[in-house]
Amino acid sequence: NVKREIARVKTVIREKQIAETGGK
């Protein structure tokens, strides 16, 4: 369960990084 939550958090962090760079 903790591993899955880590993956969720990392996914959201990455989505925010992509959104900040405009998809690049």
PDB file of all heavy atoms in Angstrom:
ATOM      1  N   ASN A   1       0.819  -1.210   0.000  1.00  0.00           N
ATOM      2  CA  ASN A   1       0.000   0.000   0.000  1.00  0.00           C
ATOM      3  C   ASN A   1       0.856   1.266   0.000  1.00  0.00           C
ATOM      4  O   ASN A   1       0.535   2.230  -0.694  1.00  0.00           O
ATOM      5  CB  ASN A   1      -0.949   0.002   1.194  1.00  0.00           C
ATOM      6  CG  ASN A   1      -2.016  -1.070   1.084  1.00  0.00           C
ATOM      7  OD1 ASN A   1      -2.320  -1.547  -0.001  1.00  0.00           O
ATOM      8  ND2 ASN A   1      -2.568  -1.455   2.211  1.00  0.00           N
ATOM      9  N   VAL A   2       1.933   1.273   0.763  1.00  0.00           N
ATOM     10  CA  VAL A   2       2.818   2.436   0.806  1.00  0.00           C
ATOM     11  C   VAL A   2       3.514   2.604  -0.548  1.00  0.00           C
ATOM     12  O   VAL A   2       3.642   3.724  -1.048  1.00  0.00           O
ATOM     13  CB  VAL A   2       3.840   2.309   1.956  1.00  0.00           C
ATOM     14  CG1 VAL A   2       4.894   3.395   1.869  1.00  0.00           C
ATOM     15  CG2 VAL A   2       3.125   2.390   3.293  1.00  0.00           C
ATOM     16  N   LYS A   3       3.944   1.505  -1.155  1.00  0.00           N
ATOM     17  CA  LYS A   3       4.577   1.586  -2.477  1.00  0.00           C
ATOM     18  C   LYS A   3       3.621   2.176  -3.506  1.00  0.00           C
ATOM     19  O   LYS A   3       4.017   2.977  -4.350  1.00  0.00           O
ATOM     20  CB  LYS A   3       5.026   0.200  -2.945  1.00  0.00           C
ATOM     21  CG  LYS A   3       6.275  -0.300  -2.297  1.00  0.00           C
ATOM     22  CD  LYS A   3       6.636  -1.649  -2.903  1.00  0.00           C
ATOM     23  CE  LYS A   3       7.933  -2.180  -2.393  1.00  0.00           C
ATOM     24  NZ  LYS A   3       8.278  -3.469  -3.033  1.00  0.00           N
ATOM     25  N   ARG A   4       2.368   1.791  -3.431  1.00  0.00           N
ATOM     26  CA  ARG A   4       1.379   2.317  -4.374  1.00  0.00           C
ATOM     27  C   ARG A   4       1.142   3.806  -4.164  1.00  0.00           C
ATOM     28  O   ARG A   4       0.994   4.556  -5.127  1.00  0.00           O
ATOM     29  CB  ARG A   4       0.066   1.555  -4.251  1.00  0.00           C
ATOM     30  CG  ARG A   4       0.147   0.173  -4.842  1.00  0.00           C
ATOM     31  CD  ARG A   4      -1.151  -0.558  -4.734  1.00  0.00           C
ATOM     32  NE  ARG A   4      -1.036  -1.868  -5.370  1.00  0.00           N
ATOM     33  CZ  ARG A   4      -1.960  -2.791  -5.334  1.00  0.00           C
ATOM     34  NH1 ARG A   4      -3.102  -2.558  -4.695  1.00  0.00           N
ATOM     35  NH2 ARG A   4      -1.779  -3.951  -5.928  1.00  0.00           N
ATOM     36  N   GLU A   5       1.123   4.226  -2.899  1.00  0.00           N
ATOM     37  CA  GLU A   5       0.928   5.651  -2.638  1.00  0.00           C
ATOM     38  C   GLU A   5       2.142   6.454  -3.094  1.00  0.00           C
ATOM     39  O   GLU A   5       1.995   7.550  -3.622  1.00  0.00           O
ATOM     40  CB  GLU A   5       0.641   5.908  -1.164  1.00  0.00           C
ATOM     41  CG  GLU A   5       0.214   7.326  -0.938  1.00  0.00           C
ATOM     42  CD  GLU A   5      -0.461   7.565   0.395  1.00  0.00           C
ATOM     43  OE1 GLU A   5      -0.758   6.601   1.115  1.00  0.00           O
ATOM     44  OE2 GLU A   5      -0.696   8.744   0.706  1.00  0.00           O
ATOM     45  N   ILE A   6       3.341   5.891  -2.946  1.00  0.00           N
ATOM     46  CA  ILE A   6       4.549   6.551  -3.462  1.00  0.00           C
ATOM     47  C   ILE A   6       4.429   6.731  -4.966  1.00  0.00           C
ATOM     48  O   ILE A   6       4.741   7.802  -5.504  1.00  0.00           O
ATOM     49  CB  ILE A   6       5.813   5.750  -3.093  1.00  0.00           C
ATOM     50  CG1 ILE A   6       6.092   5.869  -1.593  1.00  0.00           C
ATOM     51  CG2 ILE A   6       7.021   6.218  -3.907  1.00  0.00           C
ATOM     52  CD1 ILE A   6       7.203   4.960  -1.092  1.00  0.00           C
ATOM     53  N   ALA A   7       3.967   5.704  -5.650  1.00  0.00           N
ATOM     54  CA  ALA A   7       3.802   5.786  -7.102  1.00  0.00           C
ATOM     55  C   ALA A   7       2.777   6.856  -7.479  1.00  0.00           C
ATOM     56  O   ALA A   7       2.991   7.605  -8.444  1.00  0.00           O
ATOM     57  CB  ALA A   7       3.381   4.433  -7.654  1.00  0.00           C
ATOM     58  N   ARG A   8       1.701   6.954  -6.721  1.00  0.00           N
ATOM     59  CA  ARG A   8       0.687   7.978  -7.001  1.00  0.00           C
ATOM     60  C   ARG A   8       1.271   9.384  -6.851  1.00  0.00           C
ATOM     61  O   ARG A   8       1.047  10.252  -7.693  1.00  0.00           O
ATOM     62  CB  ARG A   8      -0.505   7.819  -6.063  1.00  0.00           C
ATOM     63  CG  ARG A   8      -1.398   6.667  -6.375  1.00  0.00           C
ATOM     64  CD  ARG A   8      -2.614   6.646  -5.459  1.00  0.00           C
ATOM     65  NE  ARG A   8      -3.296   5.382  -5.557  1.00  0.00           N
ATOM     66  CZ  ARG A   8      -3.301   4.453  -4.600  1.00  0.00           C
ATOM     67  NH1 ARG A   8      -2.688   4.659  -3.469  1.00  0.00           N
ATOM     68  NH2 ARG A   8      -3.943   3.319  -4.790  1.00  0.00           N
ATOM     69  N   VAL A   9       2.011   9.580  -5.768  1.00  0.00           N
ATOM     70  CA  VAL A   9       2.604  10.897  -5.520  1.00  0.00           C
ATOM     71  C   VAL A   9       3.610  11.240  -6.614  1.00  0.00           C
ATOM     72  O   VAL A   9       3.615  12.360  -7.140  1.00  0.00           O
ATOM     73  CB  VAL A   9       3.253  10.950  -4.118  1.00  0.00           C
ATOM     74  CG1 VAL A   9       4.068  12.214  -3.942  1.00  0.00           C
ATOM     75  CG2 VAL A   9       2.190  10.858  -3.042  1.00  0.00           C
ATOM     76  N   LYS A  10       4.449  10.283  -6.994  1.00  0.00           N
ATOM     77  CA  LYS A  10       5.432  10.533  -8.054  1.00  0.00           C
ATOM     78  C   LYS A  10       4.754  10.842  -9.383  1.00  0.00           C
ATOM     79  O   LYS A  10       5.226  11.682 -10.144  1.00  0.00           O
ATOM     80  CB  LYS A  10       6.366   9.336  -8.211  1.00  0.00           C
ATOM     81  CG  LYS A  10       7.402   9.226  -7.124  1.00  0.00           C
ATOM     82  CD  LYS A  10       8.356   8.078  -7.400  1.00  0.00           C
ATOM     83  CE  LYS A  10       9.480   8.035  -6.398  1.00  0.00           C
ATOM     84  NZ  LYS A  10      10.424   6.947  -6.704  1.00  0.00           N
ATOM     85  N   THR A  11       3.642  10.183  -9.649  1.00  0.00           N
ATOM     86  CA  THR A  11       2.904  10.426 -10.884  1.00  0.00           C
ATOM     87  C   THR A  11       2.358  11.849 -10.915  1.00  0.00           C
ATOM     88  O   THR A  11       2.477  12.545 -11.927  1.00  0.00           O
ATOM     89  CB  THR A  11       1.750   9.417 -11.029  1.00  0.00           C
ATOM     90  OG1 THR A  11       2.303   8.102 -11.062  1.00  0.00           O
ATOM     91  CG2 THR A  11       0.942   9.686 -12.279  1.00  0.00           C
ATOM     92  N   VAL A  12       1.788  12.293  -9.812  1.00  0.00           N
ATOM     93  CA  VAL A  12       1.236  13.650  -9.751  1.00  0.00           C
ATOM     94  C   VAL A  12       2.357  14.686  -9.855  1.00  0.00           C
ATOM     95  O   VAL A  12       2.207  15.707 -10.539  1.00  0.00           O
ATOM     96  CB  VAL A  12       0.398  13.848  -8.471  1.00  0.00           C
ATOM     97  CG1 VAL A  12      -0.023  15.294  -8.303  1.00  0.00           C
ATOM     98  CG2 VAL A  12      -0.820  12.939  -8.510  1.00  0.00           C
ATOM     99  N   ILE A  13       3.496  14.418  -9.208  1.00  0.00           N
ATOM    100  CA  ILE A  13       4.642  15.329  -9.325  1.00  0.00           C
ATOM    101  C   ILE A  13       5.059  15.455 -10.780  1.00  0.00           C
ATOM    102  O   ILE A  13       5.285  16.557 -11.286  1.00  0.00           O
ATOM    103  CB  ILE A  13       5.823  14.849  -8.448  1.00  0.00           C
ATOM    104  CG1 ILE A  13       5.508  15.043  -6.971  1.00  0.00           C
ATOM    105  CG2 ILE A  13       7.104  15.590  -8.816  1.00  0.00           C
ATOM    106  CD1 ILE A  13       6.522  14.413  -6.030  1.00  0.00           C
ATOM    107  N   ARG A  14       5.135  14.349 -11.470  1.00  0.00           N
ATOM    108  CA  ARG A  14       5.537  14.365 -12.876  1.00  0.00           C
ATOM    109  C   ARG A  14       4.497  15.076 -13.738  1.00  0.00           C
ATOM    110  O   ARG A  14       4.843  15.832 -14.651  1.00  0.00           O
ATOM    111  CB  ARG A  14       5.756  12.934 -13.373  1.00  0.00           C
ATOM    112  CG  ARG A  14       6.232  12.842 -14.794  1.00  0.00           C
ATOM    113  CD  ARG A  14       7.614  13.424 -14.955  1.00  0.00           C
ATOM    114  NE  ARG A  14       7.990  13.328 -16.348  1.00  0.00           N
ATOM    115  CZ  ARG A  14       8.652  14.253 -17.010  1.00  0.00           C
ATOM    116  NH1 ARG A  14       9.079  15.337 -16.402  1.00  0.00           N
ATOM    117  NH2 ARG A  14       8.937  14.101 -18.273  1.00  0.00           N
ATOM    118  N   GLU A  15       3.227  14.850 -13.476  1.00  0.00           N
ATOM    119  CA  GLU A  15       2.171  15.540 -14.229  1.00  0.00           C
ATOM    120  C   GLU A  15       2.280  17.047 -14.058  1.00  0.00           C
ATOM    121  O   GLU A  15       2.107  17.800 -15.020  1.00  0.00           O
ATOM    122  CB  GLU A  15       0.792  15.075 -13.759  1.00  0.00           C
ATOM    123  CG  GLU A  15       0.402  13.689 -14.220  1.00  0.00           C
ATOM    124  CD  GLU A  15      -0.903  13.224 -13.616  1.00  0.00           C
ATOM    125  OE1 GLU A  15      -1.456  13.905 -12.721  1.00  0.00           O
ATOM    126  OE2 GLU A  15      -1.383  12.151 -14.034  1.00  0.00           O
ATOM    127  N   LYS A  16       2.572  17.488 -12.849  1.00  0.00           N
ATOM    128  CA  LYS A  16       2.717  18.924 -12.599  1.00  0.00           C
ATOM    129  C   LYS A  16       3.947  19.483 -13.301  1.00  0.00           C
ATOM    130  O   LYS A  16       3.914  20.602 -13.811  1.00  0.00           O
ATOM    131  CB  LYS A  16       2.770  19.201 -11.099  1.00  0.00           C
ATOM    132  CG  LYS A  16       1.435  19.020 -10.435  1.00  0.00           C
ATOM    133  CD  LYS A  16       1.447  19.457  -8.994  1.00  0.00           C
ATOM    134  CE  LYS A  16       0.067  19.216  -8.409  1.00  0.00           C
ATOM    135  NZ  LYS A  16      -0.383  20.288  -7.567  1.00  0.00           N
ATOM    136  N   GLN A  17       5.029  18.715 -13.356  1.00  0.00           N
ATOM    137  CA  GLN A  17       6.230  19.159 -14.068  1.00  0.00           C
ATOM    138  C   GLN A  17       5.932  19.332 -15.551  1.00  0.00           C
ATOM    139  O   GLN A  17       6.352  20.309 -16.169  1.00  0.00           O
ATOM    140  CB  GLN A  17       7.367  18.155 -13.893  1.00  0.00           C
ATOM    141  CG  GLN A  17       8.002  18.155 -12.538  1.00  0.00           C
ATOM    142  CD  GLN A  17       9.029  17.050 -12.384  1.00  0.00           C
ATOM    143  OE1 GLN A  17       9.091  16.114 -13.188  1.00  0.00           O
ATOM    144  NE2 GLN A  17       9.829  17.142 -11.334  1.00  0.00           N
ATOM    145  N   ILE A  18       5.226  18.385 -16.122  1.00  0.00           N
ATOM    146  CA  ILE A  18       4.881  18.453 -17.545  1.00  0.00           C
ATOM    147  C   ILE A  18       3.959  19.637 -17.806  1.00  0.00           C
ATOM    148  O   ILE A  18       4.117  20.356 -18.798  1.00  0.00           O
ATOM    149  CB  ILE A  18       4.251  17.129 -18.017  1.00  0.00           C
ATOM    150  CG1 ILE A  18       5.314  16.028 -18.020  1.00  0.00           C
ATOM    151  CG2 ILE A  18       3.624  17.271 -19.393  1.00  0.00           C
ATOM    152  CD1 ILE A  18       4.778  14.636 -18.275  1.00  0.00           C
ATOM    153  N   ALA A  19       3.004  19.868 -16.914  1.00  0.00           N
ATOM    154  CA  ALA A  19       2.080  20.987 -17.083  1.00  0.00           C
ATOM    155  C   ALA A  19       2.812  22.327 -17.014  1.00  0.00           C
ATOM    156  O   ALA A  19       2.470  23.261 -17.741  1.00  0.00           O
ATOM    157  CB  ALA A  19       0.991  20.931 -16.025  1.00  0.00           C
ATOM    158  N   GLU A  20       3.814  22.428 -16.162  1.00  0.00           N
ATOM    159  CA  GLU A  20       4.572  23.670 -16.023  1.00  0.00           C
ATOM    160  C   GLU A  20       5.410  23.975 -17.258  1.00  0.00           C
ATOM    161  O   GLU A  20       5.606  25.131 -17.608  1.00  0.00           O
ATOM    162  CB  GLU A  20       5.485  23.602 -14.800  1.00  0.00           C
ATOM    163  CG  GLU A  20       4.748  23.677 -13.483  1.00  0.00           C
ATOM    164  CD  GLU A  20       5.653  23.431 -12.284  1.00  0.00           C
ATOM    165  OE1 GLU A  20       6.865  23.236 -12.488  1.00  0.00           O
ATOM    166  OE2 GLU A  20       5.134  23.427 -11.163  1.00  0.00           O
ATOM    167  N   THR A  21       5.895  22.939 -17.932  1.00  0.00           N
ATOM    168  CA  THR A  21       6.736  23.149 -19.100  1.00  0.00           C
ATOM    169  C   THR A  21       5.911  23.227 -20.382  1.00  0.00           C
ATOM    170  O   THR A  21       6.469  23.339 -21.463  1.00  0.00           O
ATOM    171  CB  THR A  21       7.784  22.030 -19.240  1.00  0.00           C
ATOM    172  OG1 THR A  21       7.116  20.768 -19.384  1.00  0.00           O
ATOM    173  CG2 THR A  21       8.712  22.007 -18.055  1.00  0.00           C
ATOM    174  N   GLY A  22       4.615  23.137 -20.263  1.00  0.00           N
ATOM    175  CA  GLY A  22       3.753  23.253 -21.440  1.00  0.00           C
ATOM    176  C   GLY A  22       3.710  21.985 -22.269  1.00  0.00           C
ATOM    177  O   GLY A  22       3.468  22.019 -23.462  1.00  0.00           O
ATOM    178  N   GLY A  23       3.953  20.852 -21.651  1.00  0.00           N
ATOM    179  CA  GLY A  23       3.882  19.580 -22.352  1.00  0.00           C
ATOM    180  C   GLY A  23       5.189  19.140 -22.952  1.00  0.00           C
ATOM    181  O   GLY A  23       5.296  18.043 -23.492  1.00  0.00           O
ATOM    182  N   LYS A  24       6.209  19.952 -22.870  1.00  0.00           N
ATOM    183  CA  LYS A  24       7.509  19.585 -23.390  1.00  0.00           C
ATOM    184  C   LYS A  24       8.337  19.034 -22.246  1.00  0.00           C
ATOM    185  O   LYS A  24       8.621  19.716 -21.285  1.00  0.00           O
ATOM    186  CB  LYS A  24       8.205  20.791 -24.015  1.00  0.00           C
ATOM    187  CG  LYS A  24       7.442  21.343 -25.182  1.00  0.00           C
ATOM    188  CD  LYS A  24       8.131  22.534 -25.754  1.00  0.00           C
ATOM    189  CE  LYS A  24       7.280  23.117 -26.884  1.00  0.00           C
ATOM    190  NZ  LYS A  24       7.817  24.362 -27.383  1.00  0.00           N
TER     191      LYS A  24
END
